[in-house]
Amino acid sequence: AGSATSVHVMWNAVTSSTGVKAYQVFRGTEKVRDVPASEHMVDVTRLSPSTTYVFTVRALDTAGRLGPRSREVRATTPAAV
């Protein structure tokens, strides 16, 4: 869901032996948002209408280590009206 220029990206919480500090949300290979560990959804904005995007998420633990990328999720923005 979203709009012609935004999508909602959601993920499940992960665990880390030192605790999760934040999540990093990527559009393709570009990091688009840092999200606090307490949140598991973000609106990604400034997208183009009628375009397919690929998103992944990585967890950052309190020791500064990045976890592996999540599976890829594709989202297509609708046409502008």
N, C-alpha and C. Protein backbone atom coordinates (compact mmCIF):
# COMPACT_ATOMS: atom_id res chain seq x y z
N ALA A 1 0.84 -1.18 0.00
CA ALA A 1 0.00 0.00 0.00
C ALA A 1 0.88 1.24 0.00
N GLY A 2 0.29 2.35 -0.29
CA GLY A 2 1.02 3.61 -0.36
C GLY A 2 0.31 4.53 -1.34
N SER A 3 1.08 5.14 -2.21
CA SER A 3 0.52 6.04 -3.22
C SER A 3 1.36 5.93 -4.48
N ALA A 4 1.14 6.81 -5.42
CA ALA A 4 1.92 6.80 -6.66
C ALA A 4 3.37 7.17 -6.40
N THR A 5 3.65 7.76 -5.24
CA THR A 5 5.03 8.18 -4.95
C THR A 5 5.56 7.66 -3.61
N SER A 6 4.85 6.69 -3.00
CA SER A 6 5.33 6.13 -1.73
C SER A 6 4.86 4.70 -1.57
N VAL A 7 5.58 3.93 -0.76
CA VAL A 7 5.17 2.58 -0.38
C VAL A 7 5.45 2.37 1.10
N HIS A 8 4.70 1.46 1.72
CA HIS A 8 4.94 1.04 3.09
C HIS A 8 5.84 -0.18 3.03
N VAL A 9 6.92 -0.17 3.78
CA VAL A 9 7.80 -1.33 3.89
C VAL A 9 7.72 -1.82 5.33
N MET A 10 7.39 -3.11 5.49
CA MET A 10 7.25 -3.70 6.82
C MET A 10 8.15 -4.92 6.94
N TRP A 11 8.58 -5.23 8.17
CA TRP A 11 9.43 -6.40 8.40
C TRP A 11 9.20 -6.91 9.82
N ASN A 12 9.66 -8.14 10.06
CA ASN A 12 9.58 -8.73 11.39
C ASN A 12 10.81 -8.34 12.20
N ALA A 13 10.62 -8.24 13.50
CA ALA A 13 11.74 -7.95 14.39
C ALA A 13 12.74 -9.10 14.36
N VAL A 14 14.00 -8.78 14.57
CA VAL A 14 15.04 -9.80 14.68
C VAL A 14 15.68 -9.68 16.06
N THR A 15 16.45 -10.70 16.43
CA THR A 15 17.15 -10.66 17.70
C THR A 15 18.65 -10.69 17.47
N SER A 16 19.37 -10.17 18.41
CA SER A 16 20.83 -10.16 18.37
C SER A 16 21.32 -10.40 19.79
N SER A 17 22.46 -11.04 19.93
CA SER A 17 22.99 -11.31 21.27
C SER A 17 23.27 -10.02 22.04
N THR A 18 23.53 -8.93 21.32
CA THR A 18 23.80 -7.66 21.99
C THR A 18 22.61 -6.70 21.91
N GLY A 19 21.55 -7.08 21.21
CA GLY A 19 20.39 -6.23 21.05
C GLY A 19 20.44 -5.46 19.75
N VAL A 20 19.26 -5.23 19.17
CA VAL A 20 19.16 -4.49 17.91
C VAL A 20 19.03 -3.01 18.22
N LYS A 21 19.84 -2.20 17.55
CA LYS A 21 19.82 -0.75 17.74
C LYS A 21 18.91 -0.07 16.73
N ALA A 22 18.94 -0.56 15.48
CA ALA A 22 18.18 0.09 14.41
C ALA A 22 18.06 -0.86 13.23
N TYR A 23 17.22 -0.47 12.28
CA TYR A 23 17.11 -1.18 11.01
C TYR A 23 17.48 -0.21 9.90
N GLN A 24 18.13 -0.73 8.88
CA GLN A 24 18.46 0.06 7.69
C GLN A 24 17.61 -0.46 6.54
N VAL A 25 16.91 0.44 5.87
CA VAL A 25 16.04 0.08 4.76
C VAL A 25 16.71 0.50 3.47
N PHE A 26 16.78 -0.43 2.53
CA PHE A 26 17.44 -0.20 1.25
C PHE A 26 16.45 -0.29 0.11
N ARG A 27 16.61 0.60 -0.87
CA ARG A 27 15.92 0.52 -2.16
C ARG A 27 17.00 0.15 -3.15
N GLY A 28 16.98 -1.10 -3.61
CA GLY A 28 18.11 -1.59 -4.41
C GLY A 28 19.33 -1.62 -3.51
N THR A 29 20.40 -0.96 -3.93
CA THR A 29 21.62 -0.92 -3.11
C THR A 29 21.74 0.38 -2.30
N GLU A 30 20.78 1.28 -2.45
CA GLU A 30 20.84 2.58 -1.77
C GLU A 30 20.09 2.55 -0.44
N LYS A 31 20.77 2.92 0.63
CA LYS A 31 20.09 3.02 1.93
C LYS A 31 19.21 4.26 1.90
N VAL A 32 17.92 4.06 2.19
CA VAL A 32 16.98 5.17 2.13
C VAL A 32 16.49 5.63 3.50
N ARG A 33 16.58 4.76 4.51
CA ARG A 33 16.11 5.16 5.84
C ARG A 33 16.83 4.38 6.91
N ASP A 34 17.04 5.02 8.05
CA ASP A 34 17.41 4.36 9.30
C ASP A 34 16.18 4.42 10.19
N VAL A 35 15.84 3.30 10.80
CA VAL A 35 14.62 3.21 11.60
C VAL A 35 14.97 2.68 12.98
N PRO A 36 14.45 3.27 14.06
CA PRO A 36 14.73 2.76 15.41
C PRO A 36 14.29 1.30 15.55
N ALA A 37 14.96 0.56 16.42
CA ALA A 37 14.66 -0.87 16.60
C ALA A 37 13.22 -1.12 17.04
N SER A 38 12.59 -0.15 17.67
CA SER A 38 11.22 -0.32 18.15
C SER A 38 10.19 -0.26 17.03
N GLU A 39 10.60 0.15 15.84
CA GLU A 39 9.68 0.27 14.71
C GLU A 39 9.96 -0.82 13.68
N HIS A 40 8.88 -1.29 13.03
CA HIS A 40 9.01 -2.36 12.04
C HIS A 40 8.27 -2.02 10.76
N MET A 41 8.09 -0.75 10.50
CA MET A 41 7.46 -0.27 9.27
C MET A 41 7.96 1.13 8.99
N VAL A 42 8.07 1.45 7.71
CA VAL A 42 8.45 2.80 7.32
C VAL A 42 7.79 3.12 5.99
N ASP A 43 7.45 4.38 5.80
CA ASP A 43 6.97 4.85 4.50
C ASP A 43 8.17 5.36 3.72
N VAL A 44 8.40 4.78 2.56
CA VAL A 44 9.46 5.25 1.67
C VAL A 44 8.80 6.17 0.66
N THR A 45 9.26 7.41 0.60
CA THR A 45 8.63 8.43 -0.23
C THR A 45 9.55 8.87 -1.36
N ARG A 46 9.07 9.81 -2.13
CA ARG A 46 9.82 10.39 -3.25
C ARG A 46 10.13 9.34 -4.32
N LEU A 47 9.14 8.46 -4.56
CA LEU A 47 9.27 7.45 -5.59
C LEU A 47 8.57 7.92 -6.86
N SER A 48 8.79 7.22 -7.95
CA SER A 48 8.16 7.56 -9.22
C SER A 48 6.93 6.69 -9.44
N PRO A 49 5.86 7.25 -10.03
CA PRO A 49 4.67 6.45 -10.34
C PRO A 49 4.99 5.34 -11.35
N SER A 50 4.19 4.29 -11.31
CA SER A 50 4.27 3.17 -12.26
C SER A 50 5.67 2.58 -12.35
N THR A 51 6.32 2.42 -11.21
CA THR A 51 7.69 1.93 -11.17
C THR A 51 7.79 0.81 -10.14
N THR A 52 8.55 -0.25 -10.48
CA THR A 52 8.78 -1.35 -9.55
C THR A 52 10.10 -1.11 -8.81
N TYR A 53 10.04 -1.27 -7.50
CA TYR A 53 11.20 -1.09 -6.64
C TYR A 53 11.46 -2.38 -5.88
N VAL A 54 12.72 -2.59 -5.51
CA VAL A 54 13.11 -3.75 -4.70
C VAL A 54 13.66 -3.23 -3.37
N PHE A 55 13.10 -3.73 -2.27
CA PHE A 55 13.50 -3.29 -0.94
C PHE A 55 14.08 -4.45 -0.14
N THR A 56 15.06 -4.13 0.70
CA THR A 56 15.60 -5.07 1.69
C THR A 56 15.82 -4.30 2.98
N VAL A 57 15.97 -5.05 4.07
CA VAL A 57 16.19 -4.45 5.38
C VAL A 57 17.35 -5.18 6.04
N ARG A 58 18.18 -4.43 6.78
CA ARG A 58 19.27 -5.02 7.57
C ARG A 58 19.16 -4.50 8.99
N ALA A 59 19.45 -5.36 9.94
CA ALA A 59 19.47 -4.95 11.35
C ALA A 59 20.87 -4.51 11.73
N LEU A 60 20.95 -3.47 12.54
CA LEU A 60 22.20 -2.98 13.10
C LEU A 60 22.14 -3.24 14.59
N ASP A 61 23.11 -4.02 15.12
CA ASP A 61 23.06 -4.30 16.55
C ASP A 61 23.80 -3.23 17.34
N THR A 62 23.69 -3.31 18.66
CA THR A 62 24.27 -2.27 19.52
C THR A 62 25.79 -2.30 19.51
N ALA A 63 26.38 -3.37 18.98
CA ALA A 63 27.85 -3.45 18.84
C ALA A 63 28.30 -2.88 17.50
N GLY A 64 27.34 -2.39 16.68
CA GLY A 64 27.69 -1.79 15.40
C GLY A 64 27.81 -2.77 14.25
N ARG A 65 27.38 -4.02 14.47
CA ARG A 65 27.45 -5.02 13.40
C ARG A 65 26.15 -5.04 12.62
N LEU A 66 26.29 -5.11 11.28
CA LEU A 66 25.12 -5.23 10.41
C LEU A 66 24.81 -6.69 10.16
N GLY A 67 23.54 -7.03 10.25
CA GLY A 67 23.10 -8.38 9.92
C GLY A 67 22.97 -8.53 8.42
N PRO A 68 22.65 -9.73 7.96
CA PRO A 68 22.48 -9.96 6.53
C PRO A 68 21.24 -9.24 6.01
N ARG A 69 21.21 -9.01 4.71
CA ARG A 69 20.02 -8.40 4.11
C ARG A 69 18.84 -9.37 4.21
N SER A 70 17.67 -8.82 4.36
CA SER A 70 16.45 -9.62 4.33
C SER A 70 16.22 -10.12 2.91
N ARG A 71 15.21 -10.94 2.75
CA ARG A 71 14.85 -11.31 1.38
C ARG A 71 14.34 -10.07 0.67
N GLU A 72 14.46 -10.07 -0.64
CA GLU A 72 14.00 -8.93 -1.42
C GLU A 72 12.48 -8.91 -1.50
N VAL A 73 11.92 -7.73 -1.40
CA VAL A 73 10.49 -7.53 -1.57
C VAL A 73 10.30 -6.50 -2.67
N ARG A 74 9.45 -6.84 -3.64
CA ARG A 74 9.17 -5.92 -4.75
C ARG A 74 7.85 -5.19 -4.50
N ALA A 75 7.85 -3.93 -4.84
CA ALA A 75 6.63 -3.12 -4.74
C ALA A 75 6.56 -2.24 -5.97
N THR A 76 5.36 -2.15 -6.54
CA THR A 76 5.15 -1.32 -7.72
C THR A 76 4.20 -0.19 -7.36
N THR A 77 4.63 1.03 -7.60
CA THR A 77 3.77 2.18 -7.35
C THR A 77 2.71 2.26 -8.45
N PRO A 78 1.50 2.67 -8.10
CA PRO A 78 0.47 2.82 -9.13
C PRO A 78 0.71 4.05 -10.00
N ALA A 79 -0.02 4.12 -11.07
CA ALA A 79 0.06 5.29 -11.95
C ALA A 79 -0.48 6.52 -11.21
N ALA A 80 0.06 7.66 -11.54
CA ALA A 80 -0.44 8.91 -10.96
C ALA A 80 -1.81 9.20 -11.55
N VAL A 81 -2.67 9.82 -10.76
CA VAL A 81 -4.01 10.17 -11.26
C VAL A 81 -4.14 11.65 -11.46
